[in-house]
Amino acid sequence: MDMHPAKRVSIVIEAPLESRLTDALVAAGVTGYTVMPVTGGSGRSGQWTRDGQLGRSGMVNVICLIKPERLDALLEAAFKVV
């Protein structure tokens, strides 16, 4: 099996922004990603759950595995959305 260097990028974002983020990633040259639901977590504002979110639309985790040389383009695209 051949091994190749890669970067794993995980972006947790509000579910209503998912399509804006994935569209921006594709436009930046990202050829693959996985979207998973997030049921809760903890951050600067403390712990949260999906039940406590406004509109209860929740959060999603968008995960990408990319070549290291594509990292800057991915981050620039993601920061325009978030």
Protein backbone atom coordinates (compact mmCIF):
# COMPACT_ATOMS: atom_id res chain seq x y z
CA MET A 1 0.00 0.00 0.00
CA ASP A 2 1.35 3.41 -0.96
CA MET A 3 1.21 6.13 1.68
CA HIS A 4 0.82 9.81 0.81
CA PRO A 5 1.08 12.86 3.06
CA ALA A 6 -2.29 14.49 3.71
CA LYS A 7 -3.94 17.03 5.95
CA ARG A 8 -7.19 16.35 7.77
CA VAL A 9 -9.37 19.42 8.21
CA SER A 10 -12.47 19.27 10.40
CA ILE A 11 -14.88 22.23 10.35
CA VAL A 12 -17.83 22.36 12.77
CA ILE A 13 -20.46 24.77 11.47
CA GLU A 14 -24.17 25.51 11.86
CA ALA A 15 -26.19 23.14 9.66
CA PRO A 16 -27.88 25.93 7.63
CA LEU A 17 -24.41 27.04 6.42
CA GLU A 18 -23.40 23.54 5.24
CA SER A 19 -24.17 24.05 1.55
CA ARG A 20 -22.41 27.45 1.47
CA LEU A 21 -19.32 25.86 3.00
CA THR A 22 -19.26 22.79 0.76
CA ASP A 23 -19.86 24.93 -2.35
CA ALA A 24 -16.91 27.15 -1.34
CA LEU A 25 -14.69 24.11 -0.73
CA VAL A 26 -15.51 22.61 -4.13
CA ALA A 27 -14.84 25.98 -5.81
CA ALA A 28 -11.44 25.99 -4.04
CA GLY A 29 -10.55 22.61 -5.55
CA VAL A 30 -11.56 20.23 -2.75
CA THR A 31 -12.62 17.01 -4.48
CA GLY A 32 -14.00 15.15 -1.49
CA TYR A 33 -15.45 15.70 1.95
CA THR A 34 -17.68 14.01 4.50
CA VAL A 35 -20.49 15.70 6.42
CA MET A 36 -21.53 14.30 9.81
CA PRO A 37 -24.14 15.54 12.30
CA VAL A 38 -22.88 16.92 15.62
CA THR A 39 -25.07 16.29 18.65
CA GLY A 40 -23.21 18.41 21.18
CA GLY A 41 -19.92 19.74 22.40
CA SER A 42 -18.18 22.42 24.37
CA GLY A 43 -16.54 25.68 23.36
CA ARG A 44 -15.88 29.23 24.51
CA SER A 45 -19.52 29.59 25.56
CA GLY A 46 -19.55 26.33 27.49
CA GLN A 47 -21.30 23.04 26.80
CA TRP A 48 -24.14 22.81 24.31
CA THR A 49 -26.45 20.19 22.84
CA ARG A 50 -28.56 20.07 19.71
CA ASP A 51 -31.67 20.56 21.86
CA GLY A 52 -30.36 23.92 23.08
CA GLN A 53 -29.64 25.32 19.61
CA LEU A 54 -31.86 28.02 18.15
CA GLY A 55 -34.17 26.49 15.59
CA ARG A 56 -32.73 23.11 16.56
CA SER A 57 -31.13 22.78 13.14
CA GLY A 58 -27.94 21.75 14.90
CA MET A 59 -24.37 21.65 13.81
CA VAL A 60 -22.47 19.57 11.27
CA ASN A 61 -18.83 18.51 10.99
CA VAL A 62 -17.34 18.79 7.49
CA ILE A 63 -14.20 16.65 7.20
CA CYS A 64 -11.71 16.87 4.31
CA LEU A 65 -8.52 14.92 3.59
CA ILE A 66 -6.38 16.95 1.22
CA LYS A 67 -2.87 17.26 -0.16
CA PRO A 68 -0.77 19.61 2.00
CA GLU A 69 -0.31 22.06 -0.87
CA ARG A 70 -4.09 22.59 -1.06
CA LEU A 71 -4.47 23.54 2.60
CA ASP A 72 -4.17 27.31 2.16
CA ALA A 73 -6.85 27.43 -0.56
CA LEU A 74 -9.19 25.33 1.58
CA LEU A 75 -8.71 27.55 4.63
CA GLU A 76 -9.20 30.74 2.65
CA ALA A 77 -12.47 29.39 1.21
CA ALA A 78 -13.70 28.19 4.61
CA PHE A 79 -12.93 31.47 6.40
CA LYS A 80 -15.00 33.39 3.82
CA VAL A 81 -18.03 31.38 4.96
CA VAL A 82 -17.41 31.19 8.70
